[in-house]
Amino acid sequence: LGVVLAAANYPDTPRTGDVITGLP
């Protein structure tokens, strides 16, 4: 089972450049 983590404002105008932390 896979869960998608999406960006702010997806699916309209997704925001980019946000730092991702805590990747297991």
PDB file of all heavy atoms in Angstrom:
ATOM      1  N   LEU A   1       0.850  -1.196   0.000  1.00  0.00           N
ATOM      2  CA  LEU A   1       0.000   0.000   0.000  1.00  0.00           C
ATOM      3  C   LEU A   1       0.882   1.240   0.000  1.00  0.00           C
ATOM      4  O   LEU A   1       1.838   1.329   0.780  1.00  0.00           O
ATOM      5  CB  LEU A   1      -0.924  -0.025   1.210  1.00  0.00           C
ATOM      6  CG  LEU A   1      -1.977   1.083   1.317  1.00  0.00           C
ATOM      7  CD1 LEU A   1      -3.279   0.539   1.909  1.00  0.00           C
ATOM      8  CD2 LEU A   1      -1.479   2.255   2.165  1.00  0.00           C
ATOM      9  N   GLY A   2       0.577   2.182  -0.892  1.00  0.00           N
ATOM     10  CA  GLY A   2       1.357   3.404  -1.010  1.00  0.00           C
ATOM     11  C   GLY A   2       0.489   4.634  -0.796  1.00  0.00           C
ATOM     12  O   GLY A   2      -0.611   4.727  -1.345  1.00  0.00           O
ATOM     13  N   VAL A   3       0.988   5.583  -0.012  1.00  0.00           N
ATOM     14  CA  VAL A   3       0.285   6.831   0.278  1.00  0.00           C
ATOM     15  C   VAL A   3       1.087   7.986  -0.318  1.00  0.00           C
ATOM     16  O   VAL A   3       2.280   8.139  -0.031  1.00  0.00           O
ATOM     17  CB  VAL A   3       0.123   7.042   1.798  1.00  0.00           C
ATOM     18  CG1 VAL A   3      -0.642   8.339   2.074  1.00  0.00           C
ATOM     19  CG2 VAL A   3      -0.576   5.856   2.438  1.00  0.00           C
ATOM     20  N   VAL A   4       0.446   8.785  -1.147  1.00  0.00           N
ATOM     21  CA  VAL A   4       1.104   9.928  -1.780  1.00  0.00           C
ATOM     22  C   VAL A   4       1.061  11.136  -0.848  1.00  0.00           C
ATOM     23  O   VAL A   4       0.007  11.478  -0.298  1.00  0.00           O
ATOM     24  CB  VAL A   4       0.427  10.269  -3.123  1.00  0.00           C
ATOM     25  CG1 VAL A   4       0.911  11.621  -3.649  1.00  0.00           C
ATOM     26  CG2 VAL A   4       0.702   9.175  -4.146  1.00  0.00           C
ATOM     27  N   LEU A   5       2.210  11.767  -0.676  1.00  0.00           N
ATOM     28  CA  LEU A   5       2.302  13.042   0.035  1.00  0.00           C
ATOM     29  C   LEU A   5       2.423  14.130  -1.018  1.00  0.00           C
ATOM     30  O   LEU A   5       3.361  14.119  -1.828  1.00  0.00           O
ATOM     31  CB  LEU A   5       3.508  13.063   0.972  1.00  0.00           C
ATOM     32  CG  LEU A   5       3.654  11.883   1.946  1.00  0.00           C
ATOM     33  CD1 LEU A   5       4.833  12.117   2.893  1.00  0.00           C
ATOM     34  CD2 LEU A   5       2.378  11.647   2.733  1.00  0.00           C
ATOM     35  N   ALA A   6       1.471  15.047  -1.032  1.00  0.00           N
ATOM     36  CA  ALA A   6       1.392  16.058  -2.091  1.00  0.00           C
ATOM     37  C   ALA A   6       1.764  17.436  -1.559  1.00  0.00           C
ATOM     38  O   ALA A   6       1.681  17.711  -0.355  1.00  0.00           O
ATOM     39  CB  ALA A   6      -0.019  16.087  -2.685  1.00  0.00           C
ATOM     40  N   ALA A   7       2.157  18.293  -2.485  1.00  0.00           N
ATOM     41  CA  ALA A   7       2.592  19.649  -2.140  1.00  0.00           C
ATOM     42  C   ALA A   7       1.403  20.552  -1.831  1.00  0.00           C
ATOM     43  O   ALA A   7       0.259  20.261  -2.184  1.00  0.00           O
ATOM     44  CB  ALA A   7       3.397  20.235  -3.301  1.00  0.00           C
ATOM     45  N   ALA A   8       1.699  21.647  -1.184  1.00  0.00           N
ATOM     46  CA  ALA A   8       0.687  22.667  -0.935  1.00  0.00           C
ATOM     47  C   ALA A   8       0.088  23.124  -2.259  1.00  0.00           C
ATOM     48  O   ALA A   8       0.792  23.264  -3.260  1.00  0.00           O
ATOM     49  CB  ALA A   8       1.308  23.860  -0.203  1.00  0.00           C
ATOM     50  N   ASN A   9      -1.216  23.297  -2.267  1.00  0.00           N
ATOM     51  CA  ASN A   9      -1.983  23.787  -3.427  1.00  0.00           C
ATOM     52  C   ASN A   9      -2.157  22.763  -4.545  1.00  0.00           C
ATOM     53  O   ASN A   9      -2.704  23.100  -5.600  1.00  0.00           O
ATOM     54  CB  ASN A   9      -1.374  25.075  -4.021  1.00  0.00           C
ATOM     55  CG  ASN A   9      -1.251  26.178  -2.997  1.00  0.00           C
ATOM     56  OD1 ASN A   9      -2.097  26.316  -2.116  1.00  0.00           O
ATOM     57  ND2 ASN A   9      -0.197  26.967  -3.101  1.00  0.00           N
ATOM     58  N   TYR A  10      -1.691  21.531  -4.348  1.00  0.00           N
ATOM     59  CA  TYR A  10      -1.958  20.486  -5.336  1.00  0.00           C
ATOM     60  C   TYR A  10      -3.435  20.129  -5.264  1.00  0.00           C
ATOM     61  O   TYR A  10      -4.006  20.104  -4.189  1.00  0.00           O
ATOM     62  CB  TYR A  10      -1.104  19.253  -5.025  1.00  0.00           C
ATOM     63  CG  TYR A  10      -1.308  18.098  -5.968  1.00  0.00           C
ATOM     64  CD1 TYR A  10      -0.752  18.109  -7.240  1.00  0.00           C
ATOM     65  CD2 TYR A  10      -2.069  16.982  -5.596  1.00  0.00           C
ATOM     66  CE1 TYR A  10      -0.943  17.046  -8.111  1.00  0.00           C
ATOM     67  CE2 TYR A  10      -2.262  15.927  -6.466  1.00  0.00           C
ATOM     68  CZ  TYR A  10      -1.699  15.961  -7.720  1.00  0.00           C
ATOM     69  OH  TYR A  10      -1.885  14.912  -8.583  1.00  0.00           O
ATOM     70  N   PRO A  11      -4.148  19.885  -6.378  1.00  0.00           N
ATOM     71  CA  PRO A  11      -3.636  19.720  -7.751  1.00  0.00           C
ATOM     72  C   PRO A  11      -3.672  20.981  -8.608  1.00  0.00           C
ATOM     73  O   PRO A  11      -3.408  20.894  -9.805  1.00  0.00           O
ATOM     74  CB  PRO A  11      -4.602  18.679  -8.312  1.00  0.00           C
ATOM     75  CG  PRO A  11      -5.905  18.982  -7.647  1.00  0.00           C
ATOM     76  CD  PRO A  11      -5.559  19.440  -6.260  1.00  0.00           C
ATOM     77  N   ASP A  12      -3.986  22.125  -8.055  1.00  0.00           N
ATOM     78  CA  ASP A  12      -4.136  23.334  -8.876  1.00  0.00           C
ATOM     79  C   ASP A  12      -2.793  23.931  -9.277  1.00  0.00           C
ATOM     80  O   ASP A  12      -2.332  23.768 -10.405  1.00  0.00           O
ATOM     81  CB  ASP A  12      -4.997  24.359  -8.135  1.00  0.00           C
ATOM     82  CG  ASP A  12      -6.410  23.849  -7.894  1.00  0.00           C
ATOM     83  OD1 ASP A  12      -6.950  23.178  -8.791  1.00  0.00           O
ATOM     84  OD2 ASP A  12      -6.964  24.106  -6.808  1.00  0.00           O
ATOM     85  N   THR A  13      -2.142  24.638  -8.354  1.00  0.00           N
ATOM     86  CA  THR A  13      -0.834  25.254  -8.629  1.00  0.00           C
ATOM     87  C   THR A  13       0.123  24.870  -7.513  1.00  0.00           C
ATOM     88  O   THR A  13       0.335  25.636  -6.567  1.00  0.00           O
ATOM     89  CB  THR A  13      -0.952  26.790  -8.726  1.00  0.00           C
ATOM     90  OG1 THR A  13      -1.613  27.287  -7.535  1.00  0.00           O
ATOM     91  CG2 THR A  13      -1.753  27.192  -9.953  1.00  0.00           C
ATOM     92  N   PRO A  14       0.696  23.655  -7.597  1.00  0.00           N
ATOM     93  CA  PRO A  14       1.523  23.162  -6.495  1.00  0.00           C
ATOM     94  C   PRO A  14       2.693  24.091  -6.192  1.00  0.00           C
ATOM     95  O   PRO A  14       3.352  24.617  -7.091  1.00  0.00           O
ATOM     96  CB  PRO A  14       2.034  21.811  -7.009  1.00  0.00           C
ATOM     97  CG  PRO A  14       1.096  21.423  -8.094  1.00  0.00           C
ATOM     98  CD  PRO A  14       0.621  22.696  -8.701  1.00  0.00           C
ATOM     99  N   ARG A  15       2.926  24.277  -4.895  1.00  0.00           N
ATOM    100  CA  ARG A  15       4.062  25.097  -4.466  1.00  0.00           C
ATOM    101  C   ARG A  15       5.319  24.236  -4.439  1.00  0.00           C
ATOM    102  O   ARG A  15       5.267  23.065  -4.043  1.00  0.00           O
ATOM    103  CB  ARG A  15       3.785  25.667  -3.077  1.00  0.00           C
ATOM    104  CG  ARG A  15       4.777  26.748  -2.642  1.00  0.00           C
ATOM    105  CD  ARG A  15       4.326  27.379  -1.341  1.00  0.00           C
ATOM    106  NE  ARG A  15       4.486  26.461  -0.212  1.00  0.00           N
ATOM    107  CZ  ARG A  15       3.745  26.511   0.894  1.00  0.00           C
ATOM    108  NH1 ARG A  15       2.760  27.402   0.996  1.00  0.00           N
ATOM    109  NH2 ARG A  15       3.962  25.671   1.885  1.00  0.00           N
ATOM    110  N   THR A  16       6.435  24.779  -4.846  1.00  0.00           N
ATOM    111  CA  THR A  16       7.702  24.050  -4.845  1.00  0.00           C
ATOM    112  C   THR A  16       8.709  24.764  -3.954  1.00  0.00           C
ATOM    113  O   THR A  16       8.508  25.898  -3.541  1.00  0.00           O
ATOM    114  CB  THR A  16       8.271  23.930  -6.268  1.00  0.00           C
ATOM    115  OG1 THR A  16       8.498  25.252  -6.798  1.00  0.00           O
ATOM    116  CG2 THR A  16       7.303  23.194  -7.186  1.00  0.00           C
ATOM    117  N   GLY A  17       9.802  24.055  -3.643  1.00  0.00           N
ATOM    118  CA  GLY A  17      10.889  24.648  -2.877  1.00  0.00           C
ATOM    119  C   GLY A  17      10.796  24.458  -1.379  1.00  0.00           C
ATOM    120  O   GLY A  17      11.668  24.932  -0.643  1.00  0.00           O
ATOM    121  N   ASP A  18       9.767  23.752  -0.882  1.00  0.00           N
ATOM    122  CA  ASP A  18       9.654  23.500   0.554  1.00  0.00           C
ATOM    123  C   ASP A  18      10.592  22.380   0.965  1.00  0.00           C
ATOM    124  O   ASP A  18      10.666  21.330   0.315  1.00  0.00           O
ATOM    125  CB  ASP A  18       8.213  23.129   0.923  1.00  0.00           C
ATOM    126  CG  ASP A  18       7.253  24.315   0.797  1.00  0.00           C
ATOM    127  OD1 ASP A  18       7.587  25.383   1.337  1.00  0.00           O
ATOM    128  OD2 ASP A  18       6.202  24.172   0.148  1.00  0.00           O
ATOM    129  N   VAL A  19      11.320  22.573   2.063  1.00  0.00           N
ATOM    130  CA  VAL A  19      12.306  21.605   2.537  1.00  0.00           C
ATOM    131  C   VAL A  19      11.600  20.388   3.136  1.00  0.00           C
ATOM    132  O   VAL A  19      10.642  20.516   3.905  1.00  0.00           O
ATOM    133  CB  VAL A  19      13.234  22.241   3.584  1.00  0.00           C
ATOM    134  CG1 VAL A  19      14.195  21.199   4.156  1.00  0.00           C
ATOM    135  CG2 VAL A  19      14.023  23.389   2.947  1.00  0.00           C
ATOM    136  N   ILE A  20      12.080  19.199   2.768  1.00  0.00           N
ATOM    137  CA  ILE A  20      11.526  17.934   3.255  1.00  0.00           C
ATOM    138  C   ILE A  20      12.455  17.367   4.324  1.00  0.00           C
ATOM    139  O   ILE A  20      13.659  17.233   4.105  1.00  0.00           O
ATOM    140  CB  ILE A  20      11.387  16.920   2.105  1.00  0.00           C
ATOM    141  CG1 ILE A  20      10.534  17.492   0.971  1.00  0.00           C
ATOM    142  CG2 ILE A  20      10.782  15.610   2.621  1.00  0.00           C
ATOM    143  CD1 ILE A  20      10.581  16.661  -0.301  1.00  0.00           C
ATOM    144  N   THR A  21      11.884  17.026   5.476  1.00  0.00           N
ATOM    145  CA  THR A  21      12.680  16.447   6.562  1.00  0.00           C
ATOM    146  C   THR A  21      12.017  15.162   7.045  1.00  0.00           C
ATOM    147  O   THR A  21      10.862  14.889   6.766  1.00  0.00           O
ATOM    148  CB  THR A  21      12.810  17.430   7.736  1.00  0.00           C
ATOM    149  OG1 THR A  21      11.498  17.757   8.226  1.00  0.00           O
ATOM    150  CG2 THR A  21      13.520  18.708   7.316  1.00  0.00           C
ATOM    151  N   GLY A  22      12.801  14.383   7.809  1.00  0.00           N
ATOM    152  CA  GLY A  22      12.257  13.213   8.484  1.00  0.00           C
ATOM    153  C   GLY A  22      12.035  11.998   7.617  1.00  0.00           C
ATOM    154  O   GLY A  22      11.237  11.121   7.981  1.00  0.00           O
ATOM    155  N   LEU A  23      12.711  11.903   6.491  1.00  0.00           N
ATOM    156  CA  LEU A  23      12.532  10.738   5.625  1.00  0.00           C
ATOM    157  C   LEU A  23      13.092   9.496   6.306  1.00  0.00           C
ATOM    158  O   LEU A  23      14.254   9.475   6.708  1.00  0.00           O
ATOM    159  CB  LEU A  23      13.221  10.955   4.275  1.00  0.00           C
ATOM    160  CG  LEU A  23      12.593  12.018   3.375  1.00  0.00           C
ATOM    161  CD1 LEU A  23      13.498  12.317   2.189  1.00  0.00           C
ATOM    162  CD2 LEU A  23      11.226  11.553   2.889  1.00  0.00           C
ATOM    163  N   PRO A  24      12.288   8.428   6.445  1.00  0.00           N
ATOM    164  CA  PRO A  24      12.772   7.220   7.124  1.00  0.00           C
ATOM    165  C   PRO A  24      13.702   6.408   6.233  1.00  0.00           C
ATOM    166  O   PRO A  24      13.647   6.495   5.005  1.00  0.00           O
ATOM    167  CB  PRO A  24      11.481   6.445   7.418  1.00  0.00           C
ATOM    168  CG  PRO A  24      10.552   6.854   6.311  1.00  0.00           C
ATOM    169  CD  PRO A  24      10.881   8.292   6.006  1.00  0.00           C
TER     170      PRO A  24
END
